[in-house]
Amino acid sequence: MTLASDLASAPNTPPIALRVEGVSRTYSRKGRNVRALNNISLSVLTGEFMTIVGPSGCGKSTLLQIMGGFDRPSTGTVATAAGPVTGPSRDIGMVFQRPTLFPWWTVEKNVSWALRCGGIKRREALRRSRELLELVGLRGFETAFPNELSGGMQQRAALARTLSLEPSVLLMDEPFSALDAQTRELMQEELIRIRQVAGTTIVFVTHDIREAVFLGDRIVALSGSPGEIALELTPDLPRPRTREVMRSQEFLDAYEAVWACIRDQARRASASTRAGMRQGDEGRTT
């Protein structure tokens, strides 16, 4: 079934922005094959904010890299409405764990550079870069250099540069993980505001369950290695989100459901590891 036929068969739902079908990823490591992802299938709807959460090593970032065309699946496909994803493109934007800004350029030039690469003339690129910097809360810092900004402000600049490409899907790989707790909460609120204004489709990877529930329209929890979809949850939480929602019973119920799933997966993985170690010990003694 093609993405176009999916759209035609579901007239009362938003169109699909990105679809992952049967994706697995196996690496060769020290002479043996290691499966990072196993048979992942999911669809991201236009305008949706999907969060992906799971324990360390479950393949969250690998899945996001495959969605963005930075890595290829061993089996399976990824597609947007524009066609199959076979490599990086302007149609899919990526914000990494650490801001990837050119240190020798001002914030304004970092953002306008992406626009100039798309064929936008210099004056128009500067005008649009200033609009985007205002959107992400960096008005007044256009001429600052990256090393003159805090970590949170650098991530805002990186987000503005990615948004300048007008991607149909924005992928975010734990973008707030290096920030202190207070800045992280502020950035979460800022991202909600920006998404509300821009209407961007977002897939956001995190290891923080509270962050996943607070931000997500839909939460996907991955199991331990190999990563598989262990849970999909759509919490009944209002938009736009505010901190007050964290005290609601609906938020607490969603948090507990995701935590119970991840805790169960962690226990299974630990039991499997112990069993493997016992078998190894028995093999050495026979």
Protein backbone atom coordinates (compact mmCIF):
# COMPACT_ATOMS: atom_id res chain seq x y z
CA MET A 1 0.00 0.00 0.00
CA THR A 2 1.36 3.43 -0.91
CA LEU A 3 1.29 6.54 1.24
CA ALA A 4 -1.12 8.11 -1.24
CA SER A 5 -3.59 5.21 -0.90
CA ASP A 6 -3.40 5.52 2.90
CA LEU A 7 -4.44 9.15 2.59
CA ALA A 8 -7.36 8.25 0.36
CA SER A 9 -8.57 5.49 2.70
CA ALA A 10 -8.74 7.72 5.81
CA PRO A 11 -10.60 10.91 4.85
CA ASN A 12 -11.53 11.83 8.44
CA THR A 13 -7.99 11.72 9.84
CA PRO A 14 -5.06 14.08 9.19
CA PRO A 15 -2.84 12.97 6.30
CA ILE A 16 0.26 10.96 7.06
CA ALA A 17 3.41 13.06 7.19
CA LEU A 18 5.86 10.19 7.64
CA ARG A 19 5.49 6.42 7.64
CA VAL A 20 7.89 3.78 8.92
CA GLU A 21 7.09 0.25 7.79
CA GLY A 22 8.80 -2.95 8.94
CA VAL A 23 12.09 -1.23 9.77
CA SER A 24 14.87 -3.32 11.28
CA ARG A 25 18.53 -2.39 11.69
CA THR A 26 21.37 -4.85 12.20
CA TYR A 27 25.00 -3.87 12.71
CA SER A 28 28.11 -5.99 12.41
CA ARG A 29 30.17 -5.61 15.58
CA LYS A 30 33.32 -7.57 16.46
CA GLY A 31 32.48 -10.35 14.07
CA ARG A 32 28.84 -10.80 15.11
CA ASN A 33 25.55 -9.25 14.10
CA VAL A 34 23.78 -7.02 16.61
CA ARG A 35 20.15 -6.11 15.96
CA ALA A 36 19.38 -2.57 17.15
CA LEU A 37 15.79 -2.33 15.83
CA ASN A 38 13.29 -5.04 15.02
CA ASN A 39 10.24 -4.63 12.77
CA ILE A 40 9.25 -1.05 13.65
CA SER A 41 6.08 0.21 11.97
CA LEU A 42 4.39 3.53 12.75
CA SER A 43 2.78 6.50 11.04
CA VAL A 44 3.20 10.14 12.06
CA LEU A 45 0.20 12.30 11.22
CA THR A 46 0.50 15.82 9.86
CA GLY A 47 0.62 18.29 12.74
CA GLU A 48 1.21 15.56 15.30
CA PHE A 49 3.76 15.78 18.12
CA MET A 50 5.05 12.24 18.63
CA THR A 51 7.48 11.44 21.42
CA ILE A 52 9.61 8.29 21.47
CA VAL A 53 10.92 7.11 24.82
CA GLY A 54 12.81 4.07 26.01
CA PRO A 55 15.81 2.85 27.99
CA SER A 56 19.38 3.59 26.92
CA GLY A 57 20.48 1.42 24.01
CA CYS A 58 16.97 0.64 22.77
CA GLY A 59 17.59 2.21 19.35
CA LYS A 60 15.68 5.52 19.76
CA SER A 61 18.36 7.62 18.09
CA THR A 62 18.99 4.95 15.47
CA LEU A 63 15.31 5.05 14.52
CA LEU A 64 15.41 8.84 14.25
CA GLN A 65 18.55 8.70 12.09
CA ILE A 66 16.76 6.27 9.75
CA MET A 67 13.68 8.52 9.63
CA GLY A 68 15.90 11.43 8.63
CA GLY A 69 17.79 9.51 5.95
CA PHE A 70 21.10 9.66 7.83
CA ASP A 71 21.14 5.86 8.16
CA ARG A 72 19.55 3.12 6.12
CA PRO A 73 17.46 0.30 7.51
CA SER A 74 18.57 -3.30 7.01
CA THR A 75 14.97 -4.08 6.08
CA GLY A 76 11.84 -1.97 5.77
CA THR A 77 11.05 1.47 4.36
CA VAL A 78 10.52 5.09 5.40
CA ALA A 79 8.46 7.51 3.32
CA THR A 80 6.95 10.98 3.42
CA ALA A 81 4.21 12.33 1.18
CA ALA A 82 7.04 13.45 -1.14
CA GLY A 83 8.26 9.87 -1.60
CA PRO A 84 10.69 7.32 -0.10
CA VAL A 85 13.36 8.58 2.29
CA THR A 86 16.70 7.48 0.84
CA GLY A 87 18.94 10.18 2.31
CA PRO A 88 18.89 13.58 4.05
CA SER A 89 16.64 16.18 2.43
CA ARG A 90 15.10 19.59 3.12
CA ASP A 91 11.76 17.84 3.58
CA ILE A 92 12.89 16.41 6.94
CA GLY A 93 14.64 18.67 9.45
CA MET A 94 16.87 17.41 12.26
CA VAL A 95 17.82 19.00 15.59
CA PHE A 96 20.62 17.07 17.30
CA GLN A 97 21.51 16.60 20.96
CA ARG A 98 24.00 19.45 20.74
CA PRO A 99 23.55 22.60 18.62
CA THR A 100 25.45 22.37 15.33
CA LEU A 101 26.18 26.04 14.71
CA PHE A 102 29.10 27.54 12.81
CA PRO A 103 31.12 29.24 15.61
CA TRP A 104 32.67 31.83 13.28
CA TRP A 105 29.28 33.19 12.16
CA THR A 106 26.72 35.25 14.04
CA VAL A 107 23.39 33.70 15.00
CA GLU A 108 21.67 35.62 12.21
CA LYS A 109 24.14 34.40 9.61
CA ASN A 110 23.84 30.82 10.84
CA VAL A 111 20.10 30.92 10.20
CA SER A 112 20.26 32.85 6.93
CA TRP A 113 22.92 30.45 5.59
CA ALA A 114 20.35 27.66 5.37
CA LEU A 115 18.02 29.98 3.46
CA ARG A 116 20.78 31.09 1.08
CA CYS A 117 21.55 27.43 0.35
CA GLY A 118 17.92 27.11 -0.74
CA GLY A 119 18.32 29.89 -3.28
CA ILE A 120 16.88 32.76 -1.23
CA LYS A 121 18.48 36.14 -1.95
CA ARG A 122 20.56 37.72 0.82
CA ARG A 123 18.16 40.49 1.85
CA GLU A 124 15.15 38.17 1.97
CA ALA A 125 17.18 35.53 3.82
CA LEU A 126 18.14 38.06 6.49
CA ARG A 127 14.54 39.23 6.86
CA ARG A 128 13.26 35.69 7.29
CA SER A 129 16.08 34.74 9.65
CA ARG A 130 15.11 37.66 11.92
CA GLU A 131 11.49 36.51 11.91
CA LEU A 132 12.56 33.01 12.91
CA LEU A 133 14.89 34.28 15.62
CA GLU A 134 12.00 36.29 17.03
CA LEU A 135 9.81 33.17 16.90
CA VAL A 136 12.30 31.20 19.01
CA GLY A 137 12.81 34.06 21.47
CA LEU A 138 16.19 35.35 20.28
CA ARG A 139 15.23 38.84 19.21
CA GLY A 140 18.11 41.15 20.12
CA PHE A 141 20.74 38.41 19.75
CA GLU A 142 20.98 38.44 15.95
CA THR A 143 24.60 39.64 15.93
CA ALA A 144 25.80 37.47 18.81
CA PHE A 145 28.20 34.58 18.18
CA PRO A 146 27.36 31.06 19.41
CA ASN A 147 29.98 31.17 22.19
CA GLU A 148 28.25 34.27 23.57
CA LEU A 149 25.00 32.36 24.11
CA SER A 150 23.89 29.91 26.81
CA GLY A 151 23.26 26.28 25.90
CA GLY A 152 19.51 26.84 25.73
CA MET A 153 19.91 29.88 23.49
CA GLN A 154 22.23 27.93 21.18
CA GLN A 155 19.57 25.23 20.83
CA ARG A 156 16.99 27.91 20.00
CA ALA A 157 19.27 29.18 17.24
CA ALA A 158 19.76 25.63 15.91
CA LEU A 159 15.97 25.16 15.94
CA ALA A 160 15.47 28.43 14.04
CA ARG A 161 17.95 27.32 11.38
CA THR A 162 16.18 23.98 10.97
CA LEU A 163 12.75 25.65 10.79
CA SER A 164 14.07 27.96 8.06
CA LEU A 165 14.09 24.93 5.75
CA GLU A 166 10.30 24.62 6.26
CA PRO A 167 10.50 20.84 6.69
CA SER A 168 7.33 18.78 6.56
CA VAL A 169 8.64 16.80 9.55
CA LEU A 170 10.96 18.00 12.32
CA LEU A 171 13.04 15.31 14.07
CA MET A 172 14.54 16.14 17.48
CA ASP A 173 17.10 13.83 19.10
CA GLU A 174 17.15 14.55 22.85
CA PRO A 175 17.78 18.25 22.15
CA PHE A 176 17.47 19.30 25.80
CA SER A 177 19.51 16.51 27.41
CA ALA A 178 22.61 18.66 27.97
CA LEU A 179 20.68 21.52 29.62
CA ASP A 180 20.19 22.12 33.33
CA ALA A 181 16.78 21.24 34.79
CA GLN A 182 15.40 24.79 34.85
CA THR A 183 16.50 25.61 31.29
CA ARG A 184 15.16 22.27 30.11
CA GLU A 185 11.68 23.05 31.44
CA LEU A 186 11.75 26.50 29.86
CA MET A 187 12.78 25.00 26.51
CA GLN A 188 9.96 22.46 26.69
CA GLU A 189 7.46 25.29 27.14
CA GLU A 190 9.09 27.28 24.34
CA LEU A 191 8.90 24.29 22.00
CA ILE A 192 5.19 23.91 22.73
CA ARG A 193 4.67 27.59 21.94
CA ILE A 194 6.70 27.45 18.73
CA ARG A 195 4.93 24.33 17.55
CA GLN A 196 1.56 25.96 18.31
CA VAL A 197 2.48 28.93 16.09
CA ALA A 198 4.22 27.03 13.28
CA GLY A 199 2.03 23.90 13.27
CA THR A 200 5.10 21.73 12.69
CA THR A 201 4.94 17.93 12.68
CA ILE A 202 7.47 16.77 15.31
CA VAL A 203 9.05 13.46 16.27
CA PHE A 204 10.93 13.95 19.55
CA VAL A 205 13.24 11.35 21.12
CA THR A 206 13.86 11.44 24.87
CA HIS A 207 14.75 9.13 27.75
CA ASP A 208 12.70 11.29 30.15
CA ILE A 209 9.18 9.90 30.64
CA ARG A 210 7.80 13.13 32.12
CA GLU A 211 9.10 15.05 29.11
CA ALA A 212 7.61 12.49 26.72
CA VAL A 213 4.15 12.70 28.31
CA PHE A 214 4.22 16.49 28.71
CA LEU A 215 5.15 17.16 25.07
CA GLY A 216 3.54 14.32 23.16
CA ASP A 217 0.19 13.97 21.45
CA ARG A 218 1.20 10.33 21.12
CA ILE A 219 3.89 8.47 23.06
CA VAL A 220 5.74 5.49 21.63
CA ALA A 221 7.74 3.41 24.11
CA LEU A 222 10.46 1.13 22.77
CA SER A 223 11.61 -2.08 24.42
CA GLY A 224 15.22 -2.87 25.22
CA SER A 225 17.62 -4.13 22.56
CA PRO A 226 16.52 -4.93 19.96
CA GLY A 227 14.19 -1.97 19.96
CA GLU A 228 10.58 -2.88 19.30
CA ILE A 229 7.37 -0.93 19.88
CA ALA A 230 6.22 -1.99 23.34
CA LEU A 231 3.51 0.64 23.83
CA GLU A 232 1.65 3.36 21.95
CA LEU A 233 -0.35 5.77 24.08
CA THR A 234 -2.46 8.83 23.26
CA PRO A 235 -3.03 10.69 26.54
CA ASP A 236 -6.19 12.74 26.96
CA LEU A 237 -4.39 16.00 27.75
CA PRO A 238 -5.40 19.50 26.61
CA ARG A 239 -3.55 21.73 24.15
CA PRO A 240 -1.77 24.03 24.56
CA ARG A 241 0.04 22.30 27.42
CA THR A 242 0.95 24.11 30.62
CA ARG A 243 2.80 22.91 33.73
CA GLU A 244 -0.54 22.60 35.52
CA VAL A 245 -1.37 19.55 33.38
CA MET A 246 1.35 17.60 35.22
CA ARG A 247 -0.82 17.60 38.34
CA SER A 248 -3.81 16.11 36.54
CA GLN A 249 -4.86 12.50 36.98
CA GLU A 250 -4.71 12.00 33.22
CA PHE A 251 -1.02 12.98 33.18
CA LEU A 252 -0.20 10.76 36.16
CA ASP A 253 -2.03 7.81 34.58
CA ALA A 254 -0.13 8.24 31.30
CA TYR A 255 3.19 8.55 33.15
CA GLU A 256 2.52 5.39 35.15
CA ALA A 257 1.52 3.44 32.03
CA VAL A 258 4.73 4.35 30.21
CA TRP A 259 6.91 3.79 33.29
CA ALA A 260 5.32 0.38 33.96
CA CYS A 261 6.02 -0.64 30.36
CA ILE A 262 9.66 0.47 30.44
CA ARG A 263 10.23 -1.04 33.90
CA ASP A 264 8.84 -4.37 32.70
CA GLN A 265 11.08 -4.31 29.64
CA ALA A 266 14.13 -3.49 31.79
CA ARG A 267 13.39 -6.40 34.12
CA ARG A 268 13.06 -8.79 31.20
CA ALA A 269 16.33 -7.58 29.72
CA SER A 270 18.09 -8.00 33.09
CA ALA A 271 16.71 -11.52 33.52
CA SER A 272 17.82 -12.44 29.99
CA THR A 273 21.33 -11.11 30.68
CA ARG A 274 21.62 -13.10 33.92
CA ALA A 275 20.42 -16.25 32.16
CA GLY A 276 23.02 -15.78 29.43
CA MET A 277 25.77 -15.30 32.01
CA ARG A 278 24.75 -18.51 33.83
CA GLN A 279 24.81 -20.46 30.57
CA GLY A 280 28.28 -19.09 29.84
CA ASP A 281 29.53 -20.12 33.28
CA GLU A 282 28.08 -23.60 32.88
CA GLY A 283 29.74 -23.94 29.46
CA ARG A 284 33.15 -23.09 30.89
CA THR A 285 32.83 -25.64 33.71
CA THR A 286 31.82 -28.60 31.51
